Each structure stands twice: as C-alpha cells, then as structure tokens.
Amino acid sequence: MAIRGAIPVRFEDVFPAGAFAVSVEPVADFEASKSGAKVQARDKATGHPLWVVSVVDPDPEARDTSARVKVVAPVLPVLPDAAPGLPFRPVEFDGLTVTAYVNNGGRVAYSLKATGVRAPAANRSSAKSAA
C-alpha cells in the first residue's frame, strides 16, 4: 500500500458526536527554539503558522475523550462563543486530515490537522438534536 502523508477525512467521521474547543495556542518549533527564543512552527506545504486547538470529544464510545487538532492559518484562529449556559465552545474543523504514526510507546497514534475551525453548521446541529 502506498499511502503517503495526510488522509482527508470528514469531520463527522472523526467526531461523530461533535467537538468542544477548550483552547487554542501556537505550536512551538522545538528545533528552531533551541536558542532560547520561542519560535512558532510553520506548515511545510503553505508556510503558514501552525496553531493547536485542544478539544473534548463528548462521544461516550470514544477511545480518547480529548484531542489536539493542528490548524494551518496565517493568524490566530478565533474560537466561536461558548454554548449558552455552558463553558463549552462547539466547533467543527474544515479541511480535516489524519496522519497515522507510531508513537514512542510503539503504538499507532493519529495526528489531526485542519485548514480552519468554526462554529458548527446550523443544519448539522439541528439534525443532531432531532436524532
């Protein structure tokens, strides 16, 4: 099999119960930051800065209930407002891709990357609540 690089996936396939953003921050470039000054990592394909959005996955069947999604964007992505009465910020990711790798423990892990983060589409939210 000759799969190379990131595999495009639908948001709904990765987060079938949705996702809630906790925070967004720059991704550090550890190699370039060795001189003491923190340097932000950049996407190899576009040259844009990388940001990481920490999310909670509310799916009761999820193996992991938290994830980190790297977002390629020229400026800090703005998270949508919190849901009324809750501290959670429902989000969806555009241009989502997944890359499989073997982590330091020898297990297969996945890296998620997106081209954007936004509030969930209205029709998707209402479709979920109707189900």
N, C-alpha and C. Protein backbone atom coordinates (compact mmCIF):
# COMPACT_ATOMS: atom_id res chain seq x y z
N MET A 1 0.86 -1.17 0.00
CA MET A 1 0.00 0.00 0.00
C MET A 1 0.90 1.23 0.00
N ALA A 2 0.55 2.18 -0.79
CA ALA A 2 1.39 3.36 -0.96
C ALA A 2 0.70 4.63 -0.47
N ILE A 3 0.18 4.59 0.75
CA ILE A 3 -0.43 5.80 1.31
C ILE A 3 0.69 6.64 1.89
N ARG A 4 0.77 7.87 1.41
CA ARG A 4 1.80 8.78 1.90
C ARG A 4 1.15 10.06 2.38
N GLY A 5 1.56 10.51 3.51
CA GLY A 5 1.07 11.80 4.00
C GLY A 5 -0.31 11.72 4.63
N ALA A 6 -0.92 12.87 4.72
CA ALA A 6 -2.20 13.02 5.39
C ALA A 6 -3.34 12.49 4.53
N ILE A 7 -4.33 11.92 5.19
CA ILE A 7 -5.51 11.37 4.53
C ILE A 7 -6.70 12.29 4.85
N PRO A 8 -7.36 12.84 3.84
CA PRO A 8 -8.53 13.69 4.09
C PRO A 8 -9.66 12.87 4.72
N VAL A 9 -10.29 13.45 5.76
CA VAL A 9 -11.41 12.80 6.43
C VAL A 9 -12.51 13.83 6.67
N ARG A 10 -13.73 13.34 6.82
CA ARG A 10 -14.85 14.23 7.15
C ARG A 10 -14.87 14.46 8.65
N PHE A 11 -15.21 15.67 9.05
CA PHE A 11 -15.31 16.00 10.47
C PHE A 11 -16.21 14.99 11.19
N GLU A 12 -17.36 14.67 10.60
CA GLU A 12 -18.34 13.77 11.20
C GLU A 12 -17.78 12.37 11.44
N ASP A 13 -16.82 11.95 10.63
CA ASP A 13 -16.24 10.62 10.80
C ASP A 13 -15.28 10.58 11.98
N VAL A 14 -14.61 11.69 12.25
CA VAL A 14 -13.65 11.73 13.37
C VAL A 14 -14.36 12.07 14.68
N PHE A 15 -15.31 12.99 14.61
CA PHE A 15 -16.03 13.45 15.80
C PHE A 15 -17.54 13.29 15.57
N PRO A 16 -18.07 12.05 15.59
CA PRO A 16 -19.49 11.85 15.29
C PRO A 16 -20.45 12.54 16.28
N ALA A 17 -20.00 12.79 17.49
CA ALA A 17 -20.83 13.47 18.49
C ALA A 17 -20.48 14.95 18.60
N GLY A 18 -19.65 15.44 17.68
CA GLY A 18 -19.21 16.84 17.72
C GLY A 18 -17.92 16.98 18.51
N ALA A 19 -17.50 18.23 18.69
CA ALA A 19 -16.28 18.52 19.44
C ALA A 19 -16.45 19.87 20.12
N PHE A 20 -15.80 20.01 21.27
CA PHE A 20 -15.84 21.25 22.03
C PHE A 20 -14.42 21.76 22.23
N ALA A 21 -14.17 22.99 21.79
CA ALA A 21 -12.83 23.58 21.93
C ALA A 21 -12.61 24.04 23.36
N VAL A 22 -11.40 23.81 23.84
CA VAL A 22 -11.00 24.24 25.16
C VAL A 22 -10.07 25.44 25.06
N SER A 23 -9.11 25.36 24.13
CA SER A 23 -8.13 26.44 23.98
C SER A 23 -7.49 26.37 22.60
N VAL A 24 -6.81 27.45 22.24
CA VAL A 24 -6.02 27.50 21.00
C VAL A 24 -4.72 28.22 21.34
N GLU A 25 -3.61 27.68 20.86
CA GLU A 25 -2.31 28.27 21.12
C GLU A 25 -1.35 27.96 19.98
N PRO A 26 -0.25 28.72 19.87
CA PRO A 26 0.71 28.44 18.81
C PRO A 26 1.42 27.10 19.05
N VAL A 27 1.79 26.43 17.96
CA VAL A 27 2.59 25.20 18.05
C VAL A 27 4.06 25.63 18.06
N ALA A 28 4.81 25.15 19.03
CA ALA A 28 6.23 25.52 19.13
C ALA A 28 7.07 24.70 18.15
N ASP A 29 8.03 25.35 17.53
CA ASP A 29 9.03 24.68 16.70
C ASP A 29 10.22 24.42 17.62
N PHE A 30 10.31 23.22 18.14
CA PHE A 30 11.32 22.91 19.15
C PHE A 30 12.74 22.99 18.61
N GLU A 31 12.93 22.62 17.36
CA GLU A 31 14.27 22.71 16.75
C GLU A 31 14.73 24.16 16.64
N ALA A 32 13.86 25.03 16.14
CA ALA A 32 14.22 26.44 15.94
C ALA A 32 14.25 27.21 17.26
N SER A 33 13.60 26.69 18.30
CA SER A 33 13.52 27.38 19.58
C SER A 33 14.70 27.08 20.49
N LYS A 34 15.66 26.32 20.03
CA LYS A 34 16.78 25.91 20.89
C LYS A 34 17.61 27.09 21.39
N SER A 35 17.61 28.20 20.68
CA SER A 35 18.43 29.35 21.08
C SER A 35 17.83 30.09 22.27
N GLY A 36 16.69 29.66 22.78
CA GLY A 36 16.07 30.29 23.93
C GLY A 36 14.80 31.04 23.58
N ALA A 37 14.73 31.64 22.41
CA ALA A 37 13.53 32.35 21.99
C ALA A 37 12.55 31.34 21.40
N LYS A 38 11.27 31.46 21.80
CA LYS A 38 10.26 30.55 21.27
C LYS A 38 9.93 30.93 19.84
N VAL A 39 9.94 29.92 18.96
CA VAL A 39 9.64 30.10 17.55
C VAL A 39 8.41 29.25 17.23
N GLN A 40 7.45 29.84 16.51
CA GLN A 40 6.25 29.11 16.14
C GLN A 40 6.51 28.22 14.93
N ALA A 41 6.00 27.00 14.99
CA ALA A 41 6.14 26.05 13.88
C ALA A 41 5.31 26.53 12.69
N ARG A 42 5.75 26.15 11.50
CA ARG A 42 5.06 26.52 10.27
C ARG A 42 4.75 25.26 9.47
N ASP A 43 3.66 25.33 8.74
CA ASP A 43 3.25 24.24 7.87
C ASP A 43 4.24 24.12 6.72
N LYS A 44 4.71 22.93 6.44
CA LYS A 44 5.70 22.73 5.37
C LYS A 44 5.15 23.05 3.99
N ALA A 45 3.87 22.77 3.76
CA ALA A 45 3.29 22.98 2.42
C ALA A 45 2.96 24.44 2.14
N THR A 46 2.42 25.17 3.15
CA THR A 46 1.96 26.53 2.90
C THR A 46 2.86 27.61 3.47
N GLY A 47 3.65 27.26 4.48
CA GLY A 47 4.47 28.25 5.17
C GLY A 47 3.71 29.02 6.23
N HIS A 48 2.40 28.77 6.36
CA HIS A 48 1.59 29.46 7.37
C HIS A 48 1.91 28.92 8.77
N PRO A 49 1.70 29.74 9.79
CA PRO A 49 1.91 29.28 11.17
C PRO A 49 0.95 28.15 11.53
N LEU A 50 1.38 27.33 12.49
CA LEU A 50 0.55 26.24 13.00
C LEU A 50 0.03 26.61 14.39
N TRP A 51 -1.23 26.32 14.60
CA TRP A 51 -1.89 26.55 15.88
C TRP A 51 -2.46 25.22 16.32
N VAL A 52 -2.61 25.00 17.61
CA VAL A 52 -3.22 23.76 18.09
C VAL A 52 -4.46 24.10 18.90
N VAL A 53 -5.56 23.43 18.54
CA VAL A 53 -6.82 23.59 19.25
C VAL A 53 -7.01 22.32 20.09
N SER A 54 -7.11 22.50 21.40
CA SER A 54 -7.40 21.37 22.29
C SER A 54 -8.91 21.21 22.36
N VAL A 55 -9.38 19.99 22.13
CA VAL A 55 -10.82 19.73 22.10
C VAL A 55 -11.19 18.57 23.01
N VAL A 56 -12.45 18.59 23.42
CA VAL A 56 -13.05 17.49 24.16
C VAL A 56 -14.02 16.80 23.22
N ASP A 57 -13.96 15.47 23.18
CA ASP A 57 -14.87 14.67 22.37
C ASP A 57 -15.94 14.11 23.29
N PRO A 58 -17.22 14.54 23.13
CA PRO A 58 -18.28 14.08 24.03
C PRO A 58 -18.84 12.69 23.71
N ASP A 59 -18.30 12.03 22.70
CA ASP A 59 -18.81 10.72 22.30
C ASP A 59 -18.54 9.71 23.42
N PRO A 60 -19.58 9.09 24.00
CA PRO A 60 -19.36 8.11 25.08
C PRO A 60 -18.62 6.86 24.62
N GLU A 61 -18.57 6.63 23.31
CA GLU A 61 -17.86 5.47 22.80
C GLU A 61 -16.44 5.80 22.33
N ALA A 62 -16.02 7.04 22.50
CA ALA A 62 -14.68 7.44 22.05
C ALA A 62 -13.61 6.79 22.91
N ARG A 63 -12.56 6.33 22.26
CA ARG A 63 -11.43 5.73 22.98
C ARG A 63 -10.70 6.81 23.76
N ASP A 64 -10.51 7.98 23.14
CA ASP A 64 -9.88 9.13 23.79
C ASP A 64 -10.92 10.24 23.85
N THR A 65 -11.05 10.89 24.99
CA THR A 65 -12.05 11.95 25.12
C THR A 65 -11.46 13.34 24.89
N SER A 66 -10.17 13.41 24.63
CA SER A 66 -9.57 14.70 24.29
C SER A 66 -8.67 14.51 23.08
N ALA A 67 -8.50 15.59 22.34
CA ALA A 67 -7.65 15.55 21.14
C ALA A 67 -7.05 16.93 20.93
N ARG A 68 -6.02 16.96 20.13
CA ARG A 68 -5.39 18.21 19.73
C ARG A 68 -5.38 18.24 18.21
N VAL A 69 -5.93 19.30 17.65
CA VAL A 69 -6.03 19.44 16.20
C VAL A 69 -5.17 20.63 15.79
N LYS A 70 -4.17 20.38 14.96
CA LYS A 70 -3.35 21.48 14.45
C LYS A 70 -4.11 22.17 13.33
N VAL A 71 -4.09 23.51 13.37
CA VAL A 71 -4.77 24.30 12.36
C VAL A 71 -3.74 25.16 11.64
N VAL A 72 -3.75 25.09 10.32
CA VAL A 72 -2.86 25.90 9.48
C VAL A 72 -3.59 27.19 9.17
N ALA A 73 -3.07 28.32 9.68
CA ALA A 73 -3.74 29.61 9.45
C ALA A 73 -2.75 30.75 9.59
N PRO A 74 -2.88 31.78 8.77
CA PRO A 74 -1.94 32.90 8.84
C PRO A 74 -2.04 33.70 10.14
N VAL A 75 -3.21 33.65 10.80
CA VAL A 75 -3.40 34.35 12.07
C VAL A 75 -4.07 33.42 13.08
N LEU A 76 -4.03 33.81 14.34
CA LEU A 76 -4.64 33.02 15.41
C LEU A 76 -6.11 32.75 15.10
N PRO A 77 -6.52 31.47 15.03
CA PRO A 77 -7.94 31.17 14.79
C PRO A 77 -8.78 31.66 15.98
N VAL A 78 -9.93 32.24 15.66
CA VAL A 78 -10.85 32.73 16.69
C VAL A 78 -11.88 31.64 16.95
N LEU A 79 -11.99 31.24 18.21
CA LEU A 79 -12.96 30.21 18.56
C LEU A 79 -14.35 30.83 18.66
N PRO A 80 -15.38 30.04 18.32
CA PRO A 80 -16.75 30.55 18.45
C PRO A 80 -17.10 30.77 19.93
N ASP A 81 -18.19 31.47 20.17
CA ASP A 81 -18.65 31.70 21.54
C ASP A 81 -19.04 30.39 22.20
N ALA A 82 -19.00 30.41 23.52
CA ALA A 82 -19.42 29.24 24.29
C ALA A 82 -20.92 29.01 24.10
N ALA A 83 -21.35 27.77 24.26
CA ALA A 83 -22.77 27.44 24.17
C ALA A 83 -23.50 28.13 25.33
N PRO A 84 -24.71 28.64 25.10
CA PRO A 84 -25.44 29.35 26.16
C PRO A 84 -25.56 28.51 27.43
N GLY A 85 -25.14 29.09 28.55
CA GLY A 85 -25.24 28.41 29.84
C GLY A 85 -24.17 27.37 30.10
N LEU A 86 -23.24 27.20 29.17
CA LEU A 86 -22.19 26.20 29.33
C LEU A 86 -20.82 26.81 29.06
N PRO A 87 -19.77 26.22 29.62
CA PRO A 87 -18.42 26.73 29.35
C PRO A 87 -17.82 26.16 28.07
N PHE A 88 -18.60 25.39 27.32
CA PHE A 88 -18.08 24.70 26.15
C PHE A 88 -18.27 25.51 24.87
N ARG A 89 -17.32 25.38 23.95
CA ARG A 89 -17.38 26.05 22.65
C ARG A 89 -17.50 24.98 21.56
N PRO A 90 -18.71 24.73 21.05
CA PRO A 90 -18.84 23.73 19.99
C PRO A 90 -18.12 24.20 18.73
N VAL A 91 -17.36 23.30 18.11
CA VAL A 91 -16.59 23.64 16.91
C VAL A 91 -16.68 22.53 15.88
N GLU A 92 -16.38 22.90 14.65
CA GLU A 92 -16.15 21.96 13.57
C GLU A 92 -14.87 22.39 12.87
N PHE A 93 -14.20 21.44 12.26
CA PHE A 93 -12.95 21.72 11.55
C PHE A 93 -13.15 21.55 10.06
N ASP A 94 -12.62 22.49 9.28
CA ASP A 94 -12.63 22.40 7.83
C ASP A 94 -11.31 21.81 7.36
N GLY A 95 -11.34 21.12 6.23
CA GLY A 95 -10.12 20.58 5.63
C GLY A 95 -9.39 19.62 6.56
N LEU A 96 -10.13 18.80 7.28
CA LEU A 96 -9.54 17.90 8.28
C LEU A 96 -8.80 16.74 7.60
N THR A 97 -7.60 16.46 8.10
CA THR A 97 -6.81 15.31 7.63
C THR A 97 -6.28 14.55 8.83
N VAL A 98 -5.96 13.29 8.61
CA VAL A 98 -5.39 12.45 9.66
C VAL A 98 -4.12 11.81 9.12
N THR A 99 -3.10 11.76 9.97
CA THR A 99 -1.85 11.09 9.63
C THR A 99 -1.55 10.08 10.73
N ALA A 100 -1.38 8.82 10.36
CA ALA A 100 -1.04 7.78 11.33
C ALA A 100 0.48 7.75 11.53
N TYR A 101 0.89 7.46 12.76
CA TYR A 101 2.31 7.32 13.06
C TYR A 101 2.47 6.37 14.24
N VAL A 102 3.68 5.92 14.48
CA VAL A 102 3.97 5.07 15.64
C VAL A 102 4.57 5.96 16.71
N ASN A 103 3.93 6.00 17.90
CA ASN A 103 4.40 6.87 18.96
C ASN A 103 5.58 6.24 19.71
N ASN A 104 6.10 6.95 20.71
CA ASN A 104 7.28 6.47 21.46
C ASN A 104 7.02 5.17 22.20
N GLY A 105 5.75 4.87 22.48
CA GLY A 105 5.40 3.62 23.15
C GLY A 105 5.22 2.47 22.18
N GLY A 106 5.46 2.71 20.89
CA GLY A 106 5.32 1.65 19.90
C GLY A 106 3.89 1.41 19.45
N ARG A 107 2.97 2.28 19.81
CA ARG A 107 1.58 2.13 19.43
C ARG A 107 1.24 3.08 18.28
N VAL A 108 0.26 2.69 17.48
CA VAL A 108 -0.19 3.55 16.39
C VAL A 108 -1.00 4.70 17.00
N ALA A 109 -0.66 5.91 16.58
CA ALA A 109 -1.37 7.11 17.02
C ALA A 109 -1.74 7.92 15.78
N TYR A 110 -2.53 8.97 15.97
CA TYR A 110 -3.01 9.76 14.85
C TYR A 110 -2.79 11.23 15.12
N SER A 111 -2.36 11.93 14.10
CA SER A 111 -2.20 13.38 14.15
C SER A 111 -3.30 14.00 13.29
N LEU A 112 -4.02 14.97 13.85
CA LEU A 112 -5.10 15.64 13.13
C LEU A 112 -4.66 17.04 12.74
N LYS A 113 -4.97 17.43 11.52
CA LYS A 113 -4.64 18.77 11.02
C LYS A 113 -5.85 19.28 10.25
N ALA A 114 -6.06 20.61 10.31
CA ALA A 114 -7.20 21.22 9.62
C ALA A 114 -6.77 22.55 9.01
N THR A 115 -7.62 23.03 8.10
CA THR A 115 -7.36 24.33 7.48
C THR A 115 -8.18 25.44 8.13
N GLY A 116 -9.10 25.07 9.02
CA GLY A 116 -9.90 26.08 9.68
C GLY A 116 -10.74 25.50 10.80
N VAL A 117 -11.19 26.37 11.70
CA VAL A 117 -12.08 26.00 12.80
C VAL A 117 -13.21 27.02 12.82
N ARG A 118 -14.44 26.53 13.08
CA ARG A 118 -15.61 27.42 13.04
C ARG A 118 -16.70 26.84 13.92
N ALA A 119 -17.75 27.64 14.11
CA ALA A 119 -18.94 27.16 14.82
C ALA A 119 -19.61 26.09 13.95
N PRO A 120 -20.28 25.13 14.57
CA PRO A 120 -20.95 24.09 13.78
C PRO A 120 -22.02 24.68 12.87
N ALA A 121 -22.19 24.05 11.74
CA ALA A 121 -23.23 24.46 10.79
C ALA A 121 -24.59 24.30 11.46
N ALA A 122 -25.47 25.25 11.24
CA ALA A 122 -26.79 25.24 11.89
C ALA A 122 -27.58 23.98 11.54
N ASN A 123 -27.54 23.57 10.27
CA ASN A 123 -28.33 22.40 9.86
C ASN A 123 -27.78 21.12 10.49
N ARG A 124 -26.48 21.05 10.73
CA ARG A 124 -25.90 19.87 11.36
C ARG A 124 -26.29 19.80 12.84
N SER A 125 -26.27 20.95 13.53
CA SER A 125 -26.64 20.99 14.94
C SER A 125 -28.10 20.59 15.13
N SER A 126 -28.99 21.12 14.28
CA SER A 126 -30.41 20.80 14.42
C SER A 126 -30.67 19.34 14.04
N ALA A 127 -29.92 18.82 13.09
CA ALA A 127 -30.08 17.42 12.71
C ALA A 127 -29.68 16.51 13.86
N LYS A 128 -28.63 16.90 14.60
CA LYS A 128 -28.18 16.11 15.74
C LYS A 128 -29.24 16.11 16.84
N SER A 129 -29.80 17.28 17.14
CA SER A 129 -30.75 17.37 18.23
C SER A 129 -32.06 16.65 17.86
N ALA A 130 -32.37 16.54 16.58
CA ALA A 130 -33.58 15.85 16.16
C ALA A 130 -33.42 14.34 16.21
N ALA A 131 -32.17 13.87 16.20
CA ALA A 131 -31.91 12.43 16.19
C ALA A 131 -32.12 11.79 17.54
